[in-house]
Amino acid sequence: QVQLVESGGGLVQPGGSLSLSCAASGRTLSSYAMGWFRQAPGKEREFVAAISWSGGSTYYADSVKGRFTISRDNVKNTVYLQMNSLKPEDTAVYYCAARWRVVVTTASYDHWGQGTQVTVSS
């Protein structure tokens, strides 16, 4: 069983940056594709970014492309989401998720973290 814990959320002004981390325990992440999703109040959970188990392939939602970067460190068993040029519409609870081997951009992931709040406001 994989346990995922997100951290790094908070309040930031528009145009600012935040770096989210997702630390795993229970099993090594090296065989898992990883994804970041977000859910704003009153909206459905949406895909943000994903990375293959090797880190060789990354995928982004159009709304964050060019502003967000997903990366992973399989030695540290951690996945990251660097968020730059943040906008108020990026405000949401951000979740990381793990899926065995195959990376997808849907919510078909096997393990989920509890989420971390990101608020972009002046």
N, C-alpha and C. Protein backbone atom coordinates (compact mmCIF):
# COMPACT_ATOMS: atom_id res chain seq x y z
N GLN A 1 0.84 -1.19 0.00
CA GLN A 1 0.00 0.00 0.00
C GLN A 1 0.88 1.24 0.00
N VAL A 2 0.49 2.21 -0.78
CA VAL A 2 1.23 3.46 -0.89
C VAL A 2 0.48 4.55 -0.13
N GLN A 3 1.19 5.22 0.76
CA GLN A 3 0.63 6.38 1.44
C GLN A 3 1.30 7.64 0.88
N LEU A 4 0.49 8.63 0.54
CA LEU A 4 0.99 9.86 -0.07
C LEU A 4 0.62 11.05 0.82
N VAL A 5 1.58 11.93 1.03
CA VAL A 5 1.35 13.11 1.85
C VAL A 5 1.84 14.34 1.10
N GLU A 6 0.92 15.25 0.79
CA GLU A 6 1.27 16.49 0.11
C GLU A 6 1.66 17.57 1.12
N SER A 7 2.51 18.47 0.69
CA SER A 7 2.88 19.62 1.51
C SER A 7 3.28 20.76 0.60
N GLY A 8 3.37 21.95 1.17
CA GLY A 8 3.83 23.11 0.42
C GLY A 8 2.76 24.08 0.01
N GLY A 9 1.51 23.76 0.29
CA GLY A 9 0.44 24.68 -0.07
C GLY A 9 0.46 25.91 0.81
N GLY A 10 -0.36 26.89 0.44
CA GLY A 10 -0.44 28.12 1.22
C GLY A 10 -1.10 29.23 0.45
N LEU A 11 -0.92 30.44 0.97
CA LEU A 11 -1.48 31.64 0.36
C LEU A 11 -0.38 32.37 -0.39
N VAL A 12 -0.65 32.73 -1.64
CA VAL A 12 0.34 33.44 -2.45
C VAL A 12 -0.39 34.49 -3.28
N GLN A 13 0.31 35.57 -3.59
CA GLN A 13 -0.29 36.62 -4.41
C GLN A 13 -0.26 36.23 -5.88
N PRO A 14 -1.17 36.77 -6.67
CA PRO A 14 -1.12 36.51 -8.12
C PRO A 14 0.25 36.86 -8.69
N GLY A 15 0.73 35.97 -9.56
CA GLY A 15 2.05 36.13 -10.13
C GLY A 15 3.14 35.47 -9.33
N GLY A 16 2.82 35.00 -8.15
CA GLY A 16 3.80 34.36 -7.30
C GLY A 16 4.01 32.89 -7.62
N SER A 17 4.83 32.25 -6.79
CA SER A 17 5.19 30.84 -7.00
C SER A 17 5.01 30.03 -5.73
N LEU A 18 4.75 28.76 -5.91
CA LEU A 18 4.71 27.79 -4.83
C LEU A 18 5.28 26.49 -5.35
N SER A 19 5.86 25.73 -4.42
CA SER A 19 6.36 24.40 -4.78
C SER A 19 5.70 23.38 -3.89
N LEU A 20 4.97 22.46 -4.49
CA LEU A 20 4.32 21.39 -3.75
C LEU A 20 5.19 20.14 -3.78
N SER A 21 5.12 19.39 -2.69
CA SER A 21 5.82 18.11 -2.61
C SER A 21 4.82 17.03 -2.26
N CYS A 22 5.11 15.83 -2.70
CA CYS A 22 4.29 14.65 -2.39
C CYS A 22 5.25 13.55 -1.99
N ALA A 23 5.26 13.25 -0.70
CA ALA A 23 6.16 12.22 -0.18
C ALA A 23 5.41 10.92 -0.02
N ALA A 24 6.05 9.85 -0.42
CA ALA A 24 5.42 8.53 -0.36
C ALA A 24 6.06 7.68 0.70
N SER A 25 5.26 6.80 1.26
CA SER A 25 5.75 5.80 2.19
C SER A 25 5.01 4.49 1.93
N GLY A 26 5.55 3.43 2.44
CA GLY A 26 4.90 2.14 2.26
C GLY A 26 5.50 1.33 1.13
N ARG A 27 5.72 1.99 0.00
CA ARG A 27 6.36 1.33 -1.14
C ARG A 27 7.17 2.37 -1.90
N THR A 28 8.13 1.90 -2.65
CA THR A 28 8.89 2.81 -3.49
C THR A 28 8.04 3.29 -4.65
N LEU A 29 8.22 4.54 -5.03
CA LEU A 29 7.44 5.12 -6.12
C LEU A 29 8.04 4.84 -7.49
N SER A 30 9.17 4.19 -7.53
CA SER A 30 9.89 4.07 -8.79
C SER A 30 9.14 3.32 -9.88
N SER A 31 8.13 2.53 -9.51
CA SER A 31 7.34 1.81 -10.50
C SER A 31 5.97 2.43 -10.74
N TYR A 32 5.76 3.60 -10.18
CA TYR A 32 4.45 4.25 -10.26
C TYR A 32 4.50 5.50 -11.12
N ALA A 33 3.52 5.63 -12.00
CA ALA A 33 3.28 6.92 -12.62
C ALA A 33 2.61 7.81 -11.56
N MET A 34 2.90 9.10 -11.63
CA MET A 34 2.39 10.03 -10.63
C MET A 34 1.63 11.17 -11.29
N GLY A 35 0.60 11.62 -10.60
CA GLY A 35 -0.18 12.73 -11.14
C GLY A 35 -0.51 13.75 -10.07
N TRP A 36 -0.75 14.96 -10.51
CA TRP A 36 -1.29 16.01 -9.65
C TRP A 36 -2.66 16.40 -10.20
N PHE A 37 -3.60 16.53 -9.30
CA PHE A 37 -4.96 16.96 -9.62
C PHE A 37 -5.34 18.09 -8.69
N ARG A 38 -6.40 18.81 -9.02
CA ARG A 38 -6.88 19.86 -8.13
C ARG A 38 -8.40 19.92 -8.17
N GLN A 39 -8.94 20.44 -7.10
CA GLN A 39 -10.39 20.59 -7.01
C GLN A 39 -10.71 21.91 -6.33
N ALA A 40 -11.38 22.76 -7.07
CA ALA A 40 -11.83 24.04 -6.55
C ALA A 40 -13.24 23.88 -5.97
N PRO A 41 -13.63 24.77 -5.06
CA PRO A 41 -14.98 24.67 -4.47
C PRO A 41 -16.06 24.66 -5.54
N GLY A 42 -16.96 23.68 -5.42
CA GLY A 42 -18.07 23.60 -6.35
C GLY A 42 -17.74 23.06 -7.72
N LYS A 43 -16.48 22.62 -7.90
CA LYS A 43 -16.07 22.08 -9.19
C LYS A 43 -15.58 20.66 -9.05
N GLU A 44 -15.53 19.97 -10.18
CA GLU A 44 -15.03 18.61 -10.18
C GLU A 44 -13.50 18.60 -10.11
N ARG A 45 -12.96 17.50 -9.64
CA ARG A 45 -11.51 17.34 -9.61
C ARG A 45 -11.00 17.31 -11.04
N GLU A 46 -9.90 18.03 -11.30
CA GLU A 46 -9.37 18.09 -12.65
C GLU A 46 -7.89 17.74 -12.68
N PHE A 47 -7.48 17.24 -13.80
CA PHE A 47 -6.08 16.88 -14.03
C PHE A 47 -5.23 18.13 -14.14
N VAL A 48 -4.05 18.08 -13.54
CA VAL A 48 -3.10 19.19 -13.63
C VAL A 48 -1.83 18.77 -14.37
N ALA A 49 -1.20 17.70 -13.89
CA ALA A 49 0.06 17.26 -14.49
C ALA A 49 0.31 15.81 -14.13
N ALA A 50 1.12 15.14 -14.95
CA ALA A 50 1.47 13.75 -14.69
C ALA A 50 2.88 13.48 -15.19
N ILE A 51 3.50 12.46 -14.60
CA ILE A 51 4.85 12.10 -14.98
C ILE A 51 4.97 10.59 -14.98
N SER A 52 5.68 10.06 -15.96
CA SER A 52 5.85 8.62 -16.06
C SER A 52 6.73 8.10 -14.93
N TRP A 53 6.73 6.77 -14.76
CA TRP A 53 7.47 6.19 -13.65
C TRP A 53 8.96 6.48 -13.74
N SER A 54 9.46 6.61 -14.95
CA SER A 54 10.89 6.89 -15.13
C SER A 54 11.21 8.37 -15.07
N GLY A 55 10.17 9.19 -15.19
CA GLY A 55 10.39 10.63 -15.27
C GLY A 55 10.67 11.13 -16.67
N GLY A 56 10.66 10.22 -17.63
CA GLY A 56 11.01 10.59 -18.99
C GLY A 56 9.91 11.29 -19.76
N SER A 57 8.68 11.16 -19.31
CA SER A 57 7.56 11.78 -19.99
C SER A 57 6.72 12.57 -19.01
N THR A 58 6.31 13.76 -19.42
CA THR A 58 5.45 14.60 -18.59
C THR A 58 4.26 15.08 -19.40
N TYR A 59 3.17 15.37 -18.71
CA TYR A 59 1.93 15.78 -19.35
C TYR A 59 1.32 16.90 -18.51
N TYR A 60 0.69 17.85 -19.18
CA TYR A 60 0.13 19.00 -18.49
C TYR A 60 -1.24 19.36 -19.04
N ALA A 61 -2.10 19.85 -18.17
CA ALA A 61 -3.34 20.46 -18.63
C ALA A 61 -3.00 21.75 -19.36
N ASP A 62 -3.80 22.09 -20.35
CA ASP A 62 -3.54 23.31 -21.12
C ASP A 62 -3.51 24.54 -20.23
N SER A 63 -4.32 24.53 -19.18
CA SER A 63 -4.44 25.69 -18.32
C SER A 63 -3.18 25.98 -17.51
N VAL A 64 -2.28 24.99 -17.38
CA VAL A 64 -1.08 25.20 -16.57
C VAL A 64 0.20 25.06 -17.39
N LYS A 65 0.07 24.68 -18.64
CA LYS A 65 1.24 24.45 -19.48
C LYS A 65 2.09 25.73 -19.58
N GLY A 66 3.38 25.57 -19.38
CA GLY A 66 4.28 26.72 -19.42
C GLY A 66 4.43 27.43 -18.09
N ARG A 67 3.57 27.10 -17.13
CA ARG A 67 3.65 27.73 -15.80
C ARG A 67 4.01 26.72 -14.70
N PHE A 68 3.54 25.48 -14.85
CA PHE A 68 3.78 24.44 -13.84
C PHE A 68 4.78 23.43 -14.39
N THR A 69 5.56 22.85 -13.47
CA THR A 69 6.50 21.81 -13.84
C THR A 69 6.41 20.66 -12.84
N ILE A 70 6.18 19.46 -13.35
CA ILE A 70 6.17 18.28 -12.50
C ILE A 70 7.52 17.58 -12.61
N SER A 71 8.00 17.07 -11.49
CA SER A 71 9.27 16.33 -11.49
C SER A 71 9.21 15.29 -10.37
N ARG A 72 10.19 14.42 -10.38
CA ARG A 72 10.21 13.38 -9.36
C ARG A 72 11.64 13.03 -8.99
N ASP A 73 11.80 12.56 -7.78
CA ASP A 73 13.08 12.06 -7.28
C ASP A 73 12.79 10.69 -6.69
N ASN A 74 13.08 9.64 -7.45
CA ASN A 74 12.76 8.29 -7.00
C ASN A 74 13.63 7.83 -5.83
N VAL A 75 14.77 8.45 -5.66
CA VAL A 75 15.61 8.13 -4.51
C VAL A 75 14.95 8.66 -3.23
N LYS A 76 14.43 9.88 -3.31
CA LYS A 76 13.76 10.48 -2.16
C LYS A 76 12.29 10.06 -2.07
N ASN A 77 11.82 9.30 -3.05
CA ASN A 77 10.41 8.84 -3.05
C ASN A 77 9.45 10.02 -2.98
N THR A 78 9.74 11.04 -3.77
CA THR A 78 8.99 12.28 -3.70
C THR A 78 8.72 12.80 -5.11
N VAL A 79 7.55 13.38 -5.27
CA VAL A 79 7.16 14.04 -6.51
C VAL A 79 6.89 15.51 -6.21
N TYR A 80 7.21 16.36 -7.16
CA TYR A 80 7.10 17.80 -6.95
C TYR A 80 6.22 18.44 -8.01
N LEU A 81 5.64 19.57 -7.64
CA LEU A 81 4.94 20.41 -8.61
C LEU A 81 5.37 21.85 -8.36
N GLN A 82 6.17 22.37 -9.27
CA GLN A 82 6.59 23.77 -9.19
C GLN A 82 5.56 24.61 -9.94
N MET A 83 4.99 25.57 -9.23
CA MET A 83 3.93 26.40 -9.81
C MET A 83 4.39 27.84 -9.85
N ASN A 84 4.49 28.39 -11.05
CA ASN A 84 4.90 29.77 -11.25
C ASN A 84 3.77 30.58 -11.89
N SER A 85 3.89 31.88 -11.82
CA SER A 85 2.91 32.78 -12.44
C SER A 85 1.49 32.40 -12.03
N LEU A 86 1.30 32.21 -10.76
CA LEU A 86 0.02 31.73 -10.27
C LEU A 86 -1.08 32.76 -10.48
N LYS A 87 -2.28 32.24 -10.75
CA LYS A 87 -3.46 33.05 -11.01
C LYS A 87 -4.53 32.72 -9.97
N PRO A 88 -5.45 33.63 -9.74
CA PRO A 88 -6.53 33.31 -8.79
C PRO A 88 -7.29 32.04 -9.17
N GLU A 89 -7.41 31.76 -10.45
CA GLU A 89 -8.13 30.55 -10.86
C GLU A 89 -7.36 29.27 -10.58
N ASP A 90 -6.13 29.37 -10.10
CA ASP A 90 -5.38 28.19 -9.67
C ASP A 90 -5.74 27.79 -8.24
N THR A 91 -6.53 28.61 -7.57
CA THR A 91 -6.94 28.31 -6.20
C THR A 91 -7.73 27.01 -6.16
N ALA A 92 -7.27 26.08 -5.32
CA ALA A 92 -7.89 24.75 -5.22
C ALA A 92 -7.16 23.94 -4.17
N VAL A 93 -7.73 22.80 -3.85
CA VAL A 93 -7.01 21.78 -3.10
C VAL A 93 -6.28 20.91 -4.13
N TYR A 94 -4.99 20.75 -3.92
CA TYR A 94 -4.16 19.99 -4.84
C TYR A 94 -3.86 18.61 -4.25
N TYR A 95 -4.07 17.59 -5.08
CA TYR A 95 -3.87 16.21 -4.67
C TYR A 95 -2.80 15.55 -5.54
N CYS A 96 -1.97 14.73 -4.92
CA CYS A 96 -1.11 13.88 -5.73
C CYS A 96 -1.68 12.46 -5.72
N ALA A 97 -1.33 11.71 -6.74
CA ALA A 97 -1.88 10.38 -6.91
C ALA A 97 -0.85 9.48 -7.58
N ALA A 98 -0.97 8.19 -7.30
CA ALA A 98 -0.03 7.20 -7.84
C ALA A 98 -0.80 6.10 -8.57
N ARG A 99 -0.22 5.69 -9.69
CA ARG A 99 -0.83 4.62 -10.50
C ARG A 99 0.28 3.68 -10.94
N TRP A 100 0.02 2.39 -10.83
CA TRP A 100 1.04 1.40 -11.18
C TRP A 100 1.40 1.51 -12.65
N ARG A 101 2.65 1.88 -12.92
CA ARG A 101 3.29 1.85 -14.22
C ARG A 101 2.75 2.80 -15.29
N VAL A 102 1.46 2.71 -15.60
CA VAL A 102 0.95 3.41 -16.79
C VAL A 102 0.47 4.81 -16.42
N VAL A 103 1.03 5.82 -17.07
CA VAL A 103 0.62 7.19 -16.80
C VAL A 103 -0.63 7.53 -17.60
N VAL A 104 -1.60 8.16 -16.92
CA VAL A 104 -2.83 8.60 -17.57
C VAL A 104 -3.14 10.02 -17.13
N THR A 105 -4.00 10.69 -17.87
CA THR A 105 -4.39 12.05 -17.51
C THR A 105 -5.81 12.11 -16.99
N THR A 106 -6.40 10.95 -16.77
CA THR A 106 -7.70 10.90 -16.12
C THR A 106 -7.48 10.62 -14.63
N ALA A 107 -8.58 10.54 -13.88
CA ALA A 107 -8.47 10.32 -12.44
C ALA A 107 -8.35 8.85 -12.07
N SER A 108 -7.96 8.02 -13.00
CA SER A 108 -7.87 6.58 -12.77
C SER A 108 -6.56 6.22 -12.07
N TYR A 109 -6.35 6.76 -10.90
CA TYR A 109 -5.18 6.47 -10.10
C TYR A 109 -5.57 5.62 -8.91
N ASP A 110 -4.60 4.84 -8.43
CA ASP A 110 -4.88 3.85 -7.39
C ASP A 110 -4.78 4.41 -5.98
N HIS A 111 -3.90 5.38 -5.79
CA HIS A 111 -3.63 5.90 -4.45
C HIS A 111 -3.65 7.41 -4.49
N TRP A 112 -4.22 8.00 -3.46
CA TRP A 112 -4.38 9.45 -3.40
C TRP A 112 -3.91 9.99 -2.05
N GLY A 113 -3.36 11.20 -2.09
CA GLY A 113 -3.05 11.90 -0.86
C GLY A 113 -4.27 12.62 -0.33
N GLN A 114 -4.09 13.31 0.78
CA GLN A 114 -5.21 13.99 1.44
C GLN A 114 -5.42 15.41 0.91
N GLY A 115 -4.46 15.91 0.17
CA GLY A 115 -4.59 17.22 -0.45
C GLY A 115 -3.95 18.34 0.35
N THR A 116 -3.57 19.40 -0.35
CA THR A 116 -3.03 20.60 0.28
C THR A 116 -3.66 21.82 -0.39
N GLN A 117 -4.05 22.79 0.42
CA GLN A 117 -4.76 23.96 -0.10
C GLN A 117 -3.79 24.97 -0.70
N VAL A 118 -4.11 25.42 -1.89
CA VAL A 118 -3.40 26.52 -2.54
C VAL A 118 -4.39 27.65 -2.78
N THR A 119 -4.08 28.81 -2.26
CA THR A 119 -4.94 29.97 -2.44
C THR A 119 -4.14 31.10 -3.07
N VAL A 120 -4.62 31.58 -4.20
CA VAL A 120 -3.95 32.67 -4.92
C VAL A 120 -4.86 33.89 -4.81
N SER A 121 -4.40 34.87 -4.05
CA SER A 121 -5.23 36.04 -3.79
C SER A 121 -4.36 37.21 -3.35
N SER A 122 -4.81 38.41 -3.70
CA SER A 122 -4.11 39.60 -3.24
C SER A 122 -4.74 40.14 -1.97
